[in-house]
Amino acid sequence: MRYRYFRDHGYFIGSGVVEAACKTVVAQRLKGSGMHWSEKGLSHILSIRTALLSRRYEEFWRSRLTLSMAA
């Protein structure tokens, strides 16, 4: 990896940003006391949560509606 180039251009080169995102997106919602998730349920809730936190919630539901109408 070209660390100097990326650092000079303002890119993140450490894992802290990714780890913080995992904590925010995954841990806060999915690791609550007594929670158990199936793989399918986990996948669905993470899709919704990432759409919500990335401000793409409306786009997410529009795409889901389009997919269900095509089926």
PDB file of N, CA and C in Angstrom:
ATOM      1  N   MET A   1       0.849  -1.179   0.000  1.00  0.00           N
ATOM      2  CA  MET A   1       0.000   0.000   0.000  1.00  0.00           C
ATOM      3  C   MET A   1       0.887   1.231   0.000  1.00  0.00           C
ATOM      4  N   ARG A   2       0.483   2.237  -0.713  1.00  0.00           N
ATOM      5  CA  ARG A   2       1.260   3.483  -0.801  1.00  0.00           C
ATOM      6  C   ARG A   2       0.814   4.426   0.313  1.00  0.00           C
ATOM      7  N   TYR A   3       1.304   4.150   1.517  1.00  0.00           N
ATOM      8  CA  TYR A   3       0.869   4.886   2.697  1.00  0.00           C
ATOM      9  C   TYR A   3       1.063   6.392   2.564  1.00  0.00           C
ATOM     10  N   ARG A   4       2.237   6.804   2.129  1.00  0.00           N
ATOM     11  CA  ARG A   4       2.516   8.241   2.043  1.00  0.00           C
ATOM     12  C   ARG A   4       1.548   8.937   1.083  1.00  0.00           C
ATOM     13  N   TYR A   5       1.330   8.336  -0.084  1.00  0.00           N
ATOM     14  CA  TYR A   5       0.418   8.916  -1.069  1.00  0.00           C
ATOM     15  C   TYR A   5      -0.980   9.073  -0.472  1.00  0.00           C
ATOM     16  N   PHE A   6      -1.479   8.004   0.118  1.00  0.00           N
ATOM     17  CA  PHE A   6      -2.828   8.047   0.677  1.00  0.00           C
ATOM     18  C   PHE A   6      -2.927   9.033   1.837  1.00  0.00           C
ATOM     19  N   ARG A   7      -1.931   9.042   2.707  1.00  0.00           N
ATOM     20  CA  ARG A   7      -1.929   9.975   3.835  1.00  0.00           C
ATOM     21  C   ARG A   7      -1.874  11.420   3.324  1.00  0.00           C
ATOM     22  N   ASP A   8      -1.016  11.676   2.328  1.00  0.00           N
ATOM     23  CA  ASP A   8      -0.889  13.024   1.762  1.00  0.00           C
ATOM     24  C   ASP A   8      -2.175  13.503   1.096  1.00  0.00           C
ATOM     25  N   HIS A   9      -2.988  12.575   0.624  1.00  0.00           N
ATOM     26  CA  HIS A   9      -4.245  12.930  -0.038  1.00  0.00           C
ATOM     27  C   HIS A   9      -5.460  12.825   0.891  1.00  0.00           C
ATOM     28  N   GLY A  10      -5.194  12.653   2.177  1.00  0.00           N
ATOM     29  CA  GLY A  10      -6.269  12.688   3.160  1.00  0.00           C
ATOM     30  C   GLY A  10      -7.045  11.400   3.358  1.00  0.00           C
ATOM     31  N   TYR A  11      -6.534  10.299   2.809  1.00  0.00           N
ATOM     32  CA  TYR A  11      -7.209   9.015   2.993  1.00  0.00           C
ATOM     33  C   TYR A  11      -6.840   8.416   4.347  1.00  0.00           C
ATOM     34  N   PHE A  12      -7.747   7.650   4.909  1.00  0.00           N
ATOM     35  CA  PHE A  12      -7.455   6.941   6.148  1.00  0.00           C
ATOM     36  C   PHE A  12      -6.593   5.728   5.822  1.00  0.00           C
ATOM     37  N   ILE A  13      -5.564   5.505   6.610  1.00  0.00           N
ATOM     38  CA  ILE A  13      -4.691   4.362   6.356  1.00  0.00           C
ATOM     39  C   ILE A  13      -4.691   3.364   7.511  1.00  0.00           C
ATOM     40  N   GLY A  14      -5.374   3.684   8.566  1.00  0.00           N
ATOM     41  CA  GLY A  14      -5.445   2.781   9.711  1.00  0.00           C
ATOM     42  C   GLY A  14      -6.764   2.041   9.733  1.00  0.00           C
ATOM     43  N   SER A  15      -6.887   1.132  10.680  1.00  0.00           N
ATOM     44  CA  SER A  15      -8.109   0.339  10.781  1.00  0.00           C
ATOM     45  C   SER A  15      -9.107   0.940  11.766  1.00  0.00           C
ATOM     46  N   GLY A  16      -8.736   2.023  12.423  1.00  0.00           N
ATOM     47  CA  GLY A  16      -9.600   2.622  13.437  1.00  0.00           C
ATOM     48  C   GLY A  16     -10.963   3.036  12.914  1.00  0.00           C
ATOM     49  N   VAL A  17     -10.999   3.586  11.718  1.00  0.00           N
ATOM     50  CA  VAL A  17     -12.265   4.033  11.132  1.00  0.00           C
ATOM     51  C   VAL A  17     -13.187   2.839  10.881  1.00  0.00           C
ATOM     52  N   VAL A  18     -12.625   1.771  10.354  1.00  0.00           N
ATOM     53  CA  VAL A  18     -13.419   0.570  10.080  1.00  0.00           C
ATOM     54  C   VAL A  18     -13.899  -0.053  11.387  1.00  0.00           C
ATOM     55  N   GLU A  19     -13.012  -0.118  12.373  1.00  0.00           N
ATOM     56  CA  GLU A  19     -13.397  -0.693  13.663  1.00  0.00           C
ATOM     57  C   GLU A  19     -14.497   0.129  14.329  1.00  0.00           C
ATOM     58  N   ALA A  20     -14.399   1.444  14.242  1.00  0.00           N
ATOM     59  CA  ALA A  20     -15.434   2.309  14.819  1.00  0.00           C
ATOM     60  C   ALA A  20     -16.762   2.113  14.092  1.00  0.00           C
ATOM     61  N   ALA A  21     -16.705   1.956  12.775  1.00  0.00           N
ATOM     62  CA  ALA A  21     -17.930   1.727  12.002  1.00  0.00           C
ATOM     63  C   ALA A  21     -18.578   0.407  12.401  1.00  0.00           C
ATOM     64  N   CYS A  22     -17.768  -0.617  12.596  1.00  0.00           N
ATOM     65  CA  CYS A  22     -18.317  -1.913  13.029  1.00  0.00           C
ATOM     66  C   CYS A  22     -18.989  -1.784  14.385  1.00  0.00           C
ATOM     67  N   LYS A  23     -18.369  -1.034  15.272  1.00  0.00           N
ATOM     68  CA  LYS A  23     -18.956  -0.846  16.598  1.00  0.00           C
ATOM     69  C   LYS A  23     -20.289  -0.110  16.486  1.00  0.00           C
ATOM     70  N   THR A  24     -20.327   0.922  15.654  1.00  0.00           N
ATOM     71  CA  THR A  24     -21.536   1.721  15.498  1.00  0.00           C
ATOM     72  C   THR A  24     -22.641   0.942  14.796  1.00  0.00           C
ATOM     73  N   VAL A  25     -22.308   0.323  13.684  1.00  0.00           N
ATOM     74  CA  VAL A  25     -23.323  -0.343  12.866  1.00  0.00           C
ATOM     75  C   VAL A  25     -23.741  -1.686  13.454  1.00  0.00           C
ATOM     76  N   VAL A  26     -22.781  -2.475  13.854  1.00  0.00           N
ATOM     77  CA  VAL A  26     -23.074  -3.841  14.273  1.00  0.00           C
ATOM     78  C   VAL A  26     -23.325  -3.958  15.768  1.00  0.00           C
ATOM     79  N   ALA A  27     -22.341  -3.608  16.545  1.00  0.00           N
ATOM     80  CA  ALA A  27     -22.401  -3.896  17.980  1.00  0.00           C
ATOM     81  C   ALA A  27     -23.553  -3.203  18.681  1.00  0.00           C
ATOM     82  N   GLN A  28     -23.787  -1.930  18.393  1.00  0.00           N
ATOM     83  CA  GLN A  28     -24.837  -1.205  19.106  1.00  0.00           C
ATOM     84  C   GLN A  28     -26.212  -1.822  18.896  1.00  0.00           C
ATOM     85  N   ARG A  29     -26.455  -2.387  17.745  1.00  0.00           N
ATOM     86  CA  ARG A  29     -27.783  -2.922  17.447  1.00  0.00           C
ATOM     87  C   ARG A  29     -27.901  -4.416  17.704  1.00  0.00           C
ATOM     88  N   LEU A  30     -26.829  -5.139  17.455  1.00  0.00           N
ATOM     89  CA  LEU A  30     -26.941  -6.591  17.434  1.00  0.00           C
ATOM     90  C   LEU A  30     -26.437  -7.297  18.683  1.00  0.00           C
ATOM     91  N   LYS A  31     -25.720  -6.597  19.529  1.00  0.00           N
ATOM     92  CA  LYS A  31     -25.136  -7.249  20.699  1.00  0.00           C
ATOM     93  C   LYS A  31     -25.838  -6.872  21.991  1.00  0.00           C
ATOM     94  N   GLY A  32     -27.109  -6.581  21.900  1.00  0.00           N
ATOM     95  CA  GLY A  32     -27.875  -6.251  23.093  1.00  0.00           C
ATOM     96  C   GLY A  32     -28.090  -7.478  23.971  1.00  0.00           C
ATOM     97  N   SER A  33     -28.391  -7.240  25.209  1.00  0.00           N
ATOM     98  CA  SER A  33     -28.608  -8.313  26.170  1.00  0.00           C
ATOM     99  C   SER A  33     -29.736  -9.236  25.719  1.00  0.00           C
ATOM    100  N   GLY A  34     -29.445 -10.516  25.656  1.00  0.00           N
ATOM    101  CA  GLY A  34     -30.450 -11.512  25.319  1.00  0.00           C
ATOM    102  C   GLY A  34     -30.813 -11.602  23.854  1.00  0.00           C
ATOM    103  N   MET A  35     -30.126 -10.877  22.980  1.00  0.00           N
ATOM    104  CA  MET A  35     -30.463 -10.901  21.552  1.00  0.00           C
ATOM    105  C   MET A  35     -29.834 -12.111  20.870  1.00  0.00           C
ATOM    106  N   HIS A  36     -30.597 -12.725  19.994  1.00  0.00           N
ATOM    107  CA  HIS A  36     -30.122 -13.841  19.185  1.00  0.00           C
ATOM    108  C   HIS A  36     -30.622 -13.600  17.766  1.00  0.00           C
ATOM    109  N   TRP A  37     -29.766 -13.825  16.786  1.00  0.00           N
ATOM    110  CA  TRP A  37     -30.119 -13.541  15.400  1.00  0.00           C
ATOM    111  C   TRP A  37     -29.826 -14.751  14.525  1.00  0.00           C
ATOM    112  N   SER A  38     -30.718 -15.018  13.594  1.00  0.00           N
ATOM    113  CA  SER A  38     -30.419 -15.998  12.552  1.00  0.00           C
ATOM    114  C   SER A  38     -29.538 -15.289  11.529  1.00  0.00           C
ATOM    115  N   GLU A  39     -28.859 -16.052  10.694  1.00  0.00           N
ATOM    116  CA  GLU A  39     -28.006 -15.438   9.681  1.00  0.00           C
ATOM    117  C   GLU A  39     -28.835 -14.569   8.728  1.00  0.00           C
ATOM    118  N   LYS A  40     -30.007 -15.045   8.352  1.00  0.00           N
ATOM    119  CA  LYS A  40     -30.879 -14.290   7.449  1.00  0.00           C
ATOM    120  C   LYS A  40     -31.377 -13.008   8.123  1.00  0.00           C
ATOM    121  N   GLY A  41     -31.818 -13.113   9.368  1.00  0.00           N
ATOM    122  CA  GLY A  41     -32.289 -11.941  10.101  1.00  0.00           C
ATOM    123  C   GLY A  41     -31.187 -10.920  10.304  1.00  0.00           C
ATOM    124  N   LEU A  42     -29.991 -11.411  10.609  1.00  0.00           N
ATOM    125  CA  LEU A  42     -28.832 -10.537  10.784  1.00  0.00           C
ATOM    126  C   LEU A  42     -28.536  -9.768   9.507  1.00  0.00           C
ATOM    127  N   SER A  43     -28.564 -10.467   8.394  1.00  0.00           N
ATOM    128  CA  SER A  43     -28.306  -9.832   7.104  1.00  0.00           C
ATOM    129  C   SER A  43     -29.323  -8.734   6.812  1.00  0.00           C
ATOM    130  N   HIS A  44     -30.588  -9.006   7.081  1.00  0.00           N
ATOM    131  CA  HIS A  44     -31.642  -8.020   6.824  1.00  0.00           C
ATOM    132  C   HIS A  44     -31.496  -6.782   7.711  1.00  0.00           C
ATOM    133  N   ILE A  45     -31.268  -6.993   8.998  1.00  0.00           N
ATOM    134  CA  ILE A  45     -31.189  -5.848   9.909  1.00  0.00           C
ATOM    135  C   ILE A  45     -29.945  -5.014   9.627  1.00  0.00           C
ATOM    136  N   LEU A  46     -28.839  -5.656   9.233  1.00  0.00           N
ATOM    137  CA  LEU A  46     -27.639  -4.890   8.891  1.00  0.00           C
ATOM    138  C   LEU A  46     -27.844  -4.078   7.616  1.00  0.00           C
ATOM    139  N   SER A  47     -28.574  -4.628   6.664  1.00  0.00           N
ATOM    140  CA  SER A  47     -28.870  -3.872   5.438  1.00  0.00           C
ATOM    141  C   SER A  47     -29.671  -2.615   5.756  1.00  0.00           C
ATOM    142  N   ILE A  48     -30.672  -2.764   6.592  1.00  0.00           N
ATOM    143  CA  ILE A  48     -31.501  -1.611   6.967  1.00  0.00           C
ATOM    144  C   ILE A  48     -30.685  -0.604   7.764  1.00  0.00           C
ATOM    145  N   ARG A  49     -29.903  -1.097   8.714  1.00  0.00           N
ATOM    146  CA  ARG A  49     -29.120  -0.198   9.577  1.00  0.00           C
ATOM    147  C   ARG A  49     -28.066   0.573   8.786  1.00  0.00           C
ATOM    148  N   THR A  50     -27.372  -0.090   7.868  1.00  0.00           N
ATOM    149  CA  THR A  50     -26.367   0.618   7.077  1.00  0.00           C
ATOM    150  C   THR A  50     -27.023   1.638   6.153  1.00  0.00           C
ATOM    151  N   ALA A  51     -28.178   1.317   5.601  1.00  0.00           N
ATOM    152  CA  ALA A  51     -28.896   2.287   4.764  1.00  0.00           C
ATOM    153  C   ALA A  51     -29.306   3.504   5.582  1.00  0.00           C
ATOM    154  N   LEU A  52     -29.785   3.273   6.775  1.00  0.00           N
ATOM    155  CA  LEU A  52     -30.211   4.364   7.647  1.00  0.00           C
ATOM    156  C   LEU A  52     -29.034   5.249   8.042  1.00  0.00           C
ATOM    157  N   LEU A  53     -27.940   4.638   8.479  1.00  0.00           N
ATOM    158  CA  LEU A  53     -26.790   5.410   8.950  1.00  0.00           C
ATOM    159  C   LEU A  53     -26.027   6.097   7.826  1.00  0.00           C
ATOM    160  N   SER A  54     -26.165   5.606   6.595  1.00  0.00           N
ATOM    161  CA  SER A  54     -25.490   6.247   5.466  1.00  0.00           C
ATOM    162  C   SER A  54     -26.410   7.222   4.731  1.00  0.00           C
ATOM    163  N   ARG A  55     -27.569   7.483   5.334  1.00  0.00           N
ATOM    164  CA  ARG A  55     -28.559   8.418   4.773  1.00  0.00           C
ATOM    165  C   ARG A  55     -29.050   7.982   3.392  1.00  0.00           C
ATOM    166  N   ARG A  56     -29.161   6.680   3.200  1.00  0.00           N
ATOM    167  CA  ARG A  56     -29.665   6.132   1.941  1.00  0.00           C
ATOM    168  C   ARG A  56     -30.912   5.293   2.189  1.00  0.00           C
ATOM    169  N   TYR A  57     -31.627   5.605   3.251  1.00  0.00           N
ATOM    170  CA  TYR A  57     -32.786   4.830   3.678  1.00  0.00           C
ATOM    171  C   TYR A  57     -33.887   4.815   2.615  1.00  0.00           C
ATOM    172  N   GLU A  58     -34.224   5.983   2.096  1.00  0.00           N
ATOM    173  CA  GLU A  58     -35.286   6.054   1.074  1.00  0.00           C
ATOM    174  C   GLU A  58     -34.881   5.292  -0.179  1.00  0.00           C
ATOM    175  N   GLU A  59     -33.639   5.462  -0.596  1.00  0.00           N
ATOM    176  CA  GLU A  59     -33.132   4.750  -1.771  1.00  0.00           C
ATOM    177  C   GLU A  59     -33.188   3.235  -1.549  1.00  0.00           C
ATOM    178  N   PHE A  60     -32.835   2.807  -0.348  1.00  0.00           N
ATOM    179  CA  PHE A  60     -32.872   1.383   0.004  1.00  0.00           C
ATOM    180  C   PHE A  60     -34.276   0.820  -0.191  1.00  0.00           C
ATOM    181  N   TRP A  61     -35.286   1.508   0.353  1.00  0.00           N
ATOM    182  CA  TRP A  61     -36.655   0.994   0.261  1.00  0.00           C
ATOM    183  C   TRP A  61     -37.195   1.069  -1.152  1.00  0.00           C
ATOM    184  N   ARG A  62     -36.799   2.098  -1.911  1.00  0.00           N
ATOM    185  CA  ARG A  62     -37.218   2.160  -3.321  1.00  0.00           C
ATOM    186  C   ARG A  62     -36.672   0.957  -4.083  1.00  0.00           C
ATOM    187  N   SER A  63     -35.406   0.620  -3.845  1.00  0.00           N
ATOM    188  CA  SER A  63     -34.814  -0.518  -4.556  1.00  0.00           C
ATOM    189  C   SER A  63     -35.472  -1.827  -4.135  1.00  0.00           C
ATOM    190  N   ARG A  64     -35.823  -1.965  -2.861  1.00  0.00           N
ATOM    191  CA  ARG A  64     -36.500  -3.175  -2.385  1.00  0.00           C
ATOM    192  C   ARG A  64     -37.886  -3.297  -3.018  1.00  0.00           C
ATOM    193  N   LEU A  65     -38.592  -2.181  -3.128  1.00  0.00           N
ATOM    194  CA  LEU A  65     -39.915  -2.187  -3.738  1.00  0.00           C
ATOM    195  C   LEU A  65     -39.817  -2.591  -5.205  1.00  0.00           C
ATOM    196  N   THR A  66     -38.825  -2.053  -5.903  1.00  0.00           N
ATOM    197  CA  THR A  66     -38.621  -2.389  -7.306  1.00  0.00           C
ATOM    198  C   THR A  66     -38.338  -3.876  -7.469  1.00  0.00           C
ATOM    199  N   LEU A  67     -37.498  -4.430  -6.591  1.00  0.00           N
ATOM    200  CA  LEU A  67     -37.182  -5.858  -6.660  1.00  0.00           C
ATOM    201  C   LEU A  67     -38.413  -6.721  -6.403  1.00  0.00           C
ATOM    202  N   SER A  68     -39.217  -6.344  -5.426  1.00  0.00           N
ATOM    203  CA  SER A  68     -40.391  -7.159  -5.103  1.00  0.00           C
ATOM    204  C   SER A  68     -41.449  -7.072  -6.200  1.00  0.00           C
ATOM    205  N   MET A  69     -41.532  -5.943  -6.871  1.00  0.00           N
ATOM    206  CA  MET A  69     -42.506  -5.802  -7.956  1.00  0.00           C
ATOM    207  C   MET A  69     -42.070  -6.597  -9.183  1.00  0.00           C
ATOM    208  N   ALA A  70     -40.760  -6.756  -9.373  1.00  0.00           N
ATOM    209  CA  ALA A  70     -40.245  -7.501 -10.517  1.00  0.00           C
ATOM    210  C   ALA A  70     -40.376  -9.011 -10.322  1.00  0.00           C
ATOM    211  N   ALA A  71     -40.511  -9.437  -9.086  1.00  0.00           N
ATOM    212  CA  ALA A  71     -40.567 -10.891  -8.798  1.00  0.00           C
ATOM    213  C   ALA A  71     -41.901 -11.504  -9.152  1.00  0.00           C
TER     214      ALA A  71
END
